[in-house]
Amino acid sequence: MRKHAIAGLAALTIATSAYAIEPGNWEATSRMTDIQLPPGMPPQAADMMRQIMGGEGVTAQNCVTQDDLDNSPERVFEETNGECRYSEFEMSGGEIHAVAQCTSDQGVMNMTMDGTYTASTYDMTMAMQGDMGTGPMTMTFDVTGRRLGECG
């Protein structure tokens, strides 16, 4: 769920700004920069998560159509299986701020995203806090995106 949520939110950030970005094939890369696990969790658990989501990061591609840009941003959440919803979204003047909640069978994660964008790129920091059934945890990611070209 975490990988889908991260990739889906990155794709959602692209698609919700009809006035700001170009439709096409977009690539988003999320790299974990910090993790705080619940007390009592073995350090190996954090190391495993850093290995999976750190380093080169998690990369996903998404075709963003003009129809996607013209309609509700929830359409792009299909990549997260409908698990995430915005409670705040602001994108103007080259700056992004968003707050989303993602729910799964494992629990709820609250995410805050802040960064910058152009018509063909974006760069933001995403902080996630929640309890996925093991206690409170916090993760921070650097998320970058770029338009690769036309879809297909």
N, C-alpha and C. Protein backbone atom coordinates (compact mmCIF):
# COMPACT_ATOMS: atom_id res chain seq x y z
N MET A 1 0.82 -1.18 0.00
CA MET A 1 0.00 0.00 0.00
C MET A 1 0.87 1.25 0.00
N ARG A 2 1.97 1.25 0.76
CA ARG A 2 2.79 2.44 0.85
C ARG A 2 3.37 2.82 -0.50
N LYS A 3 3.88 1.83 -1.26
CA LYS A 3 4.44 2.13 -2.58
C LYS A 3 3.37 2.68 -3.50
N HIS A 4 2.17 2.06 -3.47
CA HIS A 4 1.08 2.54 -4.32
C HIS A 4 0.66 3.94 -3.92
N ALA A 5 0.60 4.20 -2.63
CA ALA A 5 0.19 5.52 -2.15
C ALA A 5 1.19 6.57 -2.58
N ILE A 6 2.47 6.29 -2.44
CA ILE A 6 3.51 7.25 -2.80
C ILE A 6 3.46 7.54 -4.29
N ALA A 7 3.45 6.50 -5.12
CA ALA A 7 3.40 6.69 -6.56
C ALA A 7 2.11 7.38 -6.98
N GLY A 8 1.00 6.98 -6.38
CA GLY A 8 -0.28 7.57 -6.73
C GLY A 8 -0.36 9.03 -6.35
N LEU A 9 0.16 9.39 -5.19
CA LEU A 9 0.13 10.79 -4.79
C LEU A 9 1.03 11.63 -5.67
N ALA A 10 2.16 11.08 -6.05
CA ALA A 10 3.02 11.82 -6.96
C ALA A 10 2.31 12.03 -8.29
N ALA A 11 1.66 11.00 -8.81
CA ALA A 11 0.91 11.14 -10.05
C ALA A 11 -0.25 12.10 -9.87
N LEU A 12 -0.90 12.06 -8.73
CA LEU A 12 -2.02 12.94 -8.47
C LEU A 12 -1.57 14.38 -8.45
N THR A 13 -0.43 14.65 -7.86
CA THR A 13 0.08 16.00 -7.83
C THR A 13 0.26 16.53 -9.24
N ILE A 14 0.71 15.68 -10.15
CA ILE A 14 0.85 16.09 -11.54
C ILE A 14 -0.50 16.44 -12.13
N ALA A 15 -1.46 15.57 -11.95
CA ALA A 15 -2.69 15.66 -12.71
C ALA A 15 -3.70 16.66 -12.19
N THR A 16 -3.54 17.17 -11.00
CA THR A 16 -4.56 18.04 -10.45
C THR A 16 -4.38 19.49 -10.85
N SER A 17 -3.43 19.80 -11.66
CA SER A 17 -3.19 21.20 -11.99
C SER A 17 -3.38 21.44 -13.47
N ALA A 18 -4.61 21.41 -13.91
CA ALA A 18 -4.90 21.56 -15.33
C ALA A 18 -4.31 22.84 -15.89
N TYR A 19 -4.20 23.85 -15.10
CA TYR A 19 -3.71 25.14 -15.53
C TYR A 19 -2.19 25.23 -15.49
N ALA A 20 -1.50 24.22 -14.99
CA ALA A 20 -0.09 24.37 -14.69
C ALA A 20 0.84 23.41 -15.41
N ILE A 21 0.38 22.24 -15.75
CA ILE A 21 1.30 21.25 -16.30
C ILE A 21 0.79 20.74 -17.65
N GLU A 22 1.68 20.07 -18.35
CA GLU A 22 1.36 19.55 -19.68
C GLU A 22 0.92 18.09 -19.58
N PRO A 23 -0.11 17.71 -20.36
CA PRO A 23 -0.45 16.29 -20.41
C PRO A 23 0.69 15.51 -21.06
N GLY A 24 0.75 14.21 -20.78
CA GLY A 24 1.77 13.36 -21.38
C GLY A 24 2.17 12.26 -20.43
N ASN A 25 3.26 11.59 -20.77
CA ASN A 25 3.80 10.51 -19.95
C ASN A 25 4.71 11.12 -18.90
N TRP A 26 4.35 10.94 -17.63
CA TRP A 26 5.10 11.49 -16.51
C TRP A 26 5.77 10.37 -15.72
N GLU A 27 6.96 10.67 -15.21
CA GLU A 27 7.69 9.75 -14.36
C GLU A 27 7.88 10.41 -13.00
N ALA A 28 7.55 9.69 -11.94
CA ALA A 28 7.72 10.17 -10.57
C ALA A 28 8.67 9.24 -9.83
N THR A 29 9.63 9.82 -9.11
CA THR A 29 10.56 9.04 -8.29
C THR A 29 10.48 9.52 -6.85
N SER A 30 10.24 8.60 -5.94
CA SER A 30 10.16 8.89 -4.51
C SER A 30 11.32 8.21 -3.80
N ARG A 31 12.08 9.00 -3.03
CA ARG A 31 13.21 8.45 -2.27
C ARG A 31 13.01 8.74 -0.78
N MET A 32 13.02 7.69 0.03
CA MET A 32 12.90 7.88 1.48
C MET A 32 14.16 8.54 2.01
N THR A 33 13.96 9.61 2.79
CA THR A 33 15.10 10.30 3.39
C THR A 33 15.16 10.12 4.90
N ASP A 34 14.04 9.72 5.52
CA ASP A 34 14.02 9.52 6.96
C ASP A 34 12.87 8.59 7.33
N ILE A 35 13.06 7.84 8.41
CA ILE A 35 12.00 6.98 8.94
C ILE A 35 12.13 6.88 10.45
N GLN A 36 11.01 6.99 11.13
CA GLN A 36 10.94 6.80 12.57
C GLN A 36 9.88 5.74 12.82
N LEU A 37 10.28 4.58 13.33
CA LEU A 37 9.35 3.49 13.58
C LEU A 37 8.88 3.49 15.03
N PRO A 38 7.79 2.77 15.30
CA PRO A 38 7.28 2.70 16.67
C PRO A 38 8.31 2.11 17.63
N PRO A 39 8.25 2.53 18.89
CA PRO A 39 9.15 1.93 19.90
C PRO A 39 8.94 0.41 19.93
N GLY A 40 10.03 -0.28 20.11
CA GLY A 40 9.95 -1.73 20.19
C GLY A 40 10.15 -2.44 18.87
N MET A 41 10.07 -1.70 17.76
CA MET A 41 10.31 -2.33 16.45
C MET A 41 11.81 -2.55 16.30
N PRO A 42 12.21 -3.68 15.76
CA PRO A 42 13.65 -3.93 15.59
C PRO A 42 14.26 -2.98 14.56
N PRO A 43 15.50 -2.55 14.79
CA PRO A 43 16.17 -1.64 13.85
C PRO A 43 16.23 -2.21 12.43
N GLN A 44 16.22 -3.55 12.32
CA GLN A 44 16.27 -4.18 11.01
C GLN A 44 15.05 -3.80 10.17
N ALA A 45 13.92 -3.53 10.81
CA ALA A 45 12.71 -3.15 10.07
C ALA A 45 12.92 -1.82 9.36
N ALA A 46 13.51 -0.85 10.04
CA ALA A 46 13.80 0.44 9.41
C ALA A 46 14.83 0.26 8.30
N ASP A 47 15.84 -0.56 8.55
CA ASP A 47 16.86 -0.81 7.52
C ASP A 47 16.24 -1.43 6.28
N MET A 48 15.30 -2.36 6.48
CA MET A 48 14.64 -3.01 5.34
C MET A 48 13.83 -1.97 4.54
N MET A 49 13.10 -1.11 5.24
CA MET A 49 12.31 -0.10 4.55
C MET A 49 13.21 0.90 3.83
N ARG A 50 14.32 1.27 4.45
CA ARG A 50 15.27 2.18 3.77
C ARG A 50 15.81 1.53 2.49
N GLN A 51 16.08 0.24 2.56
CA GLN A 51 16.61 -0.47 1.40
C GLN A 51 15.58 -0.51 0.29
N ILE A 52 14.30 -0.74 0.64
CA ILE A 52 13.26 -0.84 -0.37
C ILE A 52 12.94 0.52 -0.97
N MET A 53 12.81 1.56 -0.14
CA MET A 53 12.32 2.85 -0.62
C MET A 53 13.36 3.96 -0.61
N GLY A 54 14.57 3.67 -0.18
CA GLY A 54 15.64 4.66 -0.20
C GLY A 54 16.50 4.45 -1.43
N GLY A 55 17.75 4.86 -1.35
CA GLY A 55 18.68 4.64 -2.46
C GLY A 55 18.17 5.22 -3.76
N GLU A 56 17.94 4.37 -4.73
CA GLU A 56 17.45 4.80 -6.04
C GLU A 56 16.00 5.25 -5.99
N GLY A 57 15.29 4.82 -4.95
CA GLY A 57 13.90 5.22 -4.80
C GLY A 57 12.94 4.31 -5.55
N VAL A 58 11.68 4.69 -5.50
CA VAL A 58 10.61 3.98 -6.18
C VAL A 58 10.16 4.87 -7.33
N THR A 59 10.17 4.32 -8.55
CA THR A 59 9.82 5.09 -9.74
C THR A 59 8.58 4.51 -10.39
N ALA A 60 7.68 5.39 -10.81
CA ALA A 60 6.47 4.97 -11.50
C ALA A 60 6.20 5.93 -12.65
N GLN A 61 5.59 5.42 -13.70
CA GLN A 61 5.19 6.26 -14.83
C GLN A 61 3.68 6.28 -14.91
N ASN A 62 3.16 7.39 -15.40
CA ASN A 62 1.72 7.57 -15.49
C ASN A 62 1.40 8.44 -16.70
N CYS A 63 0.45 7.99 -17.51
CA CYS A 63 -0.01 8.79 -18.63
C CYS A 63 -1.08 9.75 -18.12
N VAL A 64 -0.83 11.03 -18.22
CA VAL A 64 -1.77 12.06 -17.82
C VAL A 64 -2.37 12.67 -19.08
N THR A 65 -3.67 12.49 -19.26
CA THR A 65 -4.35 13.00 -20.46
C THR A 65 -4.97 14.37 -20.17
N GLN A 66 -5.37 15.05 -21.22
CA GLN A 66 -6.07 16.32 -21.04
C GLN A 66 -7.37 16.10 -20.28
N ASP A 67 -8.04 14.98 -20.54
CA ASP A 67 -9.26 14.65 -19.81
C ASP A 67 -8.98 14.54 -18.31
N ASP A 68 -7.86 13.89 -17.94
CA ASP A 68 -7.48 13.81 -16.53
C ASP A 68 -7.32 15.21 -15.94
N LEU A 69 -6.66 16.09 -16.69
CA LEU A 69 -6.40 17.44 -16.21
C LEU A 69 -7.67 18.26 -16.06
N ASP A 70 -8.66 17.98 -16.91
CA ASP A 70 -9.89 18.75 -16.91
C ASP A 70 -10.90 18.29 -15.88
N ASN A 71 -10.72 17.11 -15.29
CA ASN A 71 -11.69 16.53 -14.36
C ASN A 71 -11.14 16.42 -12.96
N SER A 72 -11.90 15.84 -12.09
CA SER A 72 -11.58 15.69 -10.68
C SER A 72 -10.26 14.95 -10.48
N PRO A 73 -9.44 15.42 -9.54
CA PRO A 73 -8.15 14.75 -9.30
C PRO A 73 -8.29 13.33 -8.78
N GLU A 74 -9.45 12.97 -8.19
CA GLU A 74 -9.61 11.61 -7.68
C GLU A 74 -9.47 10.55 -8.77
N ARG A 75 -9.68 10.92 -10.01
CA ARG A 75 -9.53 9.95 -11.11
C ARG A 75 -8.11 9.40 -11.17
N VAL A 76 -7.16 10.19 -10.77
CA VAL A 76 -5.77 9.75 -10.84
C VAL A 76 -5.42 8.85 -9.67
N PHE A 77 -6.23 8.84 -8.60
CA PHE A 77 -5.97 7.99 -7.44
C PHE A 77 -6.16 6.52 -7.75
N GLU A 78 -6.56 6.19 -8.96
CA GLU A 78 -6.71 4.78 -9.32
C GLU A 78 -5.43 4.01 -9.06
N GLU A 79 -4.29 4.66 -9.15
CA GLU A 79 -3.02 3.97 -8.90
C GLU A 79 -2.84 3.59 -7.44
N THR A 80 -3.62 4.22 -6.55
CA THR A 80 -3.56 3.85 -5.14
C THR A 80 -4.80 3.07 -4.75
N ASN A 81 -5.49 2.53 -5.74
CA ASN A 81 -6.70 1.73 -5.51
C ASN A 81 -7.75 2.51 -4.73
N GLY A 82 -7.80 3.82 -4.94
CA GLY A 82 -8.79 4.66 -4.28
C GLY A 82 -8.55 4.84 -2.79
N GLU A 83 -7.35 4.55 -2.31
CA GLU A 83 -7.06 4.59 -0.89
C GLU A 83 -6.77 5.99 -0.37
N CYS A 84 -6.51 6.97 -1.24
CA CYS A 84 -6.09 8.30 -0.79
C CYS A 84 -7.09 9.37 -1.21
N ARG A 85 -7.25 10.38 -0.34
CA ARG A 85 -8.13 11.51 -0.60
C ARG A 85 -7.46 12.79 -0.08
N TYR A 86 -7.59 13.86 -0.85
CA TYR A 86 -7.08 15.16 -0.42
C TYR A 86 -8.02 15.81 0.58
N SER A 87 -7.46 16.46 1.59
CA SER A 87 -8.23 17.37 2.43
C SER A 87 -7.82 18.81 2.14
N GLU A 88 -6.63 18.98 1.55
CA GLU A 88 -6.15 20.31 1.11
C GLU A 88 -5.38 20.13 -0.18
N PHE A 89 -5.51 21.10 -1.08
CA PHE A 89 -4.68 21.12 -2.27
C PHE A 89 -4.56 22.54 -2.79
N GLU A 90 -3.32 23.02 -2.89
CA GLU A 90 -3.05 24.34 -3.44
C GLU A 90 -1.88 24.20 -4.40
N MET A 91 -2.05 24.75 -5.59
CA MET A 91 -0.99 24.71 -6.58
C MET A 91 -1.10 25.98 -7.40
N SER A 92 -0.18 26.91 -7.15
CA SER A 92 -0.18 28.15 -7.92
C SER A 92 1.17 28.82 -7.78
N GLY A 93 1.49 29.63 -8.76
CA GLY A 93 2.73 30.39 -8.71
C GLY A 93 3.98 29.55 -8.58
N GLY A 94 3.92 28.32 -9.08
CA GLY A 94 5.09 27.44 -9.02
C GLY A 94 5.27 26.72 -7.70
N GLU A 95 4.28 26.84 -6.79
CA GLU A 95 4.38 26.17 -5.49
C GLU A 95 3.24 25.20 -5.29
N ILE A 96 3.55 24.07 -4.63
CA ILE A 96 2.57 23.01 -4.33
C ILE A 96 2.47 22.87 -2.81
N HIS A 97 1.23 22.75 -2.32
CA HIS A 97 0.99 22.35 -0.94
C HIS A 97 -0.23 21.45 -0.96
N ALA A 98 -0.13 20.28 -0.34
CA ALA A 98 -1.26 19.36 -0.31
C ALA A 98 -1.21 18.53 0.96
N VAL A 99 -2.41 18.13 1.41
CA VAL A 99 -2.55 17.22 2.54
C VAL A 99 -3.51 16.12 2.09
N ALA A 100 -3.14 14.88 2.31
CA ALA A 100 -3.97 13.74 1.90
C ALA A 100 -3.99 12.70 3.00
N GLN A 101 -5.04 11.88 2.98
CA GLN A 101 -5.16 10.77 3.90
C GLN A 101 -5.32 9.50 3.07
N CYS A 102 -4.55 8.48 3.42
CA CYS A 102 -4.62 7.21 2.72
C CYS A 102 -5.04 6.14 3.72
N THR A 103 -6.05 5.37 3.35
CA THR A 103 -6.59 4.35 4.22
C THR A 103 -6.47 2.99 3.55
N SER A 104 -6.03 2.00 4.31
CA SER A 104 -5.97 0.62 3.81
C SER A 104 -6.37 -0.31 4.95
N ASP A 105 -6.36 -1.59 4.68
CA ASP A 105 -6.64 -2.58 5.72
C ASP A 105 -5.63 -2.50 6.86
N GLN A 106 -4.44 -1.95 6.56
CA GLN A 106 -3.37 -1.88 7.55
C GLN A 106 -3.48 -0.67 8.46
N GLY A 107 -4.19 0.39 8.04
CA GLY A 107 -4.31 1.58 8.86
C GLY A 107 -4.45 2.83 8.01
N VAL A 108 -4.18 3.97 8.63
CA VAL A 108 -4.32 5.28 7.99
C VAL A 108 -2.99 6.02 8.04
N MET A 109 -2.62 6.63 6.93
CA MET A 109 -1.43 7.47 6.87
C MET A 109 -1.88 8.87 6.45
N ASN A 110 -1.40 9.89 7.16
CA ASN A 110 -1.63 11.29 6.79
C ASN A 110 -0.38 11.80 6.11
N MET A 111 -0.57 12.47 4.96
CA MET A 111 0.58 12.94 4.18
C MET A 111 0.49 14.43 3.93
N THR A 112 1.63 15.09 4.05
CA THR A 112 1.74 16.51 3.73
C THR A 112 2.81 16.64 2.66
N MET A 113 2.50 17.39 1.60
CA MET A 113 3.43 17.56 0.49
C MET A 113 3.64 19.04 0.24
N ASP A 114 4.90 19.45 0.12
CA ASP A 114 5.24 20.83 -0.18
C ASP A 114 6.38 20.84 -1.17
N GLY A 115 6.29 21.72 -2.18
CA GLY A 115 7.36 21.79 -3.16
C GLY A 115 7.11 22.82 -4.24
N THR A 116 7.80 22.62 -5.35
CA THR A 116 7.72 23.53 -6.48
C THR A 116 7.45 22.75 -7.76
N TYR A 117 6.98 23.47 -8.80
CA TYR A 117 6.69 22.82 -10.08
C TYR A 117 6.89 23.78 -11.24
N THR A 118 7.06 23.18 -12.42
CA THR A 118 7.01 23.89 -13.70
C THR A 118 6.02 23.11 -14.56
N ALA A 119 5.88 23.49 -15.81
CA ALA A 119 4.98 22.77 -16.71
C ALA A 119 5.44 21.35 -16.98
N SER A 120 6.74 21.05 -16.77
CA SER A 120 7.25 19.73 -17.12
C SER A 120 8.06 19.05 -16.01
N THR A 121 8.12 19.65 -14.82
CA THR A 121 8.85 19.04 -13.70
C THR A 121 8.20 19.41 -12.38
N TYR A 122 8.51 18.65 -11.34
CA TYR A 122 8.18 19.07 -9.98
C TYR A 122 9.18 18.46 -9.01
N ASP A 123 9.28 19.07 -7.84
CA ASP A 123 10.19 18.64 -6.79
C ASP A 123 9.51 18.96 -5.47
N MET A 124 9.31 17.96 -4.62
CA MET A 124 8.65 18.23 -3.35
C MET A 124 9.14 17.29 -2.26
N THR A 125 8.80 17.66 -1.03
CA THR A 125 9.04 16.82 0.14
C THR A 125 7.69 16.32 0.60
N MET A 126 7.62 15.04 0.90
CA MET A 126 6.39 14.42 1.37
C MET A 126 6.66 13.80 2.73
N ALA A 127 5.89 14.22 3.73
CA ALA A 127 5.98 13.66 5.08
C ALA A 127 4.74 12.81 5.33
N MET A 128 4.94 11.60 5.81
CA MET A 128 3.84 10.68 6.09
C MET A 128 3.87 10.32 7.57
N GLN A 129 2.70 10.40 8.23
CA GLN A 129 2.60 10.00 9.62
C GLN A 129 1.36 9.14 9.77
N GLY A 130 1.47 8.12 10.60
CA GLY A 130 0.29 7.29 10.83
C GLY A 130 0.63 6.04 11.60
N ASP A 131 -0.35 5.17 11.65
CA ASP A 131 -0.22 3.89 12.33
C ASP A 131 -0.71 2.81 11.38
N MET A 132 0.19 1.96 10.96
CA MET A 132 -0.16 0.89 10.02
C MET A 132 -0.34 -0.43 10.76
N GLY A 133 -0.80 -0.34 12.01
CA GLY A 133 -1.08 -1.54 12.78
C GLY A 133 0.04 -1.95 13.72
N THR A 134 1.18 -1.26 13.65
CA THR A 134 2.31 -1.61 14.51
C THR A 134 2.66 -0.49 15.48
N GLY A 135 1.93 0.62 15.43
CA GLY A 135 2.21 1.79 16.25
C GLY A 135 2.54 2.97 15.38
N PRO A 136 2.72 4.15 16.00
CA PRO A 136 2.97 5.37 15.22
C PRO A 136 4.31 5.32 14.49
N MET A 137 4.29 5.81 13.26
CA MET A 137 5.51 5.88 12.48
C MET A 137 5.49 7.14 11.62
N THR A 138 6.68 7.61 11.23
CA THR A 138 6.84 8.79 10.39
C THR A 138 7.86 8.47 9.30
N MET A 139 7.55 8.87 8.08
CA MET A 139 8.49 8.70 6.97
C MET A 139 8.54 10.01 6.19
N THR A 140 9.70 10.34 5.66
CA THR A 140 9.88 11.52 4.83
C THR A 140 10.50 11.10 3.51
N PHE A 141 9.99 11.68 2.42
CA PHE A 141 10.45 11.35 1.08
C PHE A 141 10.77 12.62 0.29
N ASP A 142 11.78 12.54 -0.58
CA ASP A 142 11.97 13.52 -1.64
C ASP A 142 11.30 12.93 -2.86
N VAL A 143 10.44 13.72 -3.51
CA VAL A 143 9.70 13.25 -4.68
C VAL A 143 10.00 14.19 -5.83
N THR A 144 10.44 13.61 -6.95
CA THR A 144 10.68 14.40 -8.15
C THR A 144 9.86 13.81 -9.29
N GLY A 145 9.49 14.68 -10.20
CA GLY A 145 8.73 14.22 -11.36
C GLY A 145 9.15 14.98 -12.59
N ARG A 146 8.97 14.31 -13.73
CA ARG A 146 9.30 14.97 -14.99
C ARG A 146 8.45 14.39 -16.10
N ARG A 147 8.12 15.23 -17.05
CA ARG A 147 7.36 14.81 -18.23
C ARG A 147 8.34 14.18 -19.20
N LEU A 148 8.03 12.96 -19.63
CA LEU A 148 8.93 12.24 -20.54
C LEU A 148 8.59 12.47 -22.00
N GLY A 149 7.36 12.88 -22.28
CA GLY A 149 6.92 13.05 -23.66
C GLY A 149 5.45 12.69 -23.77
N GLU A 150 5.04 12.38 -24.98
CA GLU A 150 3.64 12.01 -25.22
C GLU A 150 3.34 10.62 -24.63
N CYS A 151 2.08 10.37 -24.32
CA CYS A 151 1.67 9.05 -23.84
C CYS A 151 1.76 8.04 -24.99
N GLY A 152 1.99 6.80 -24.61
CA GLY A 152 1.93 5.71 -25.58
C GLY A 152 3.16 5.54 -26.32
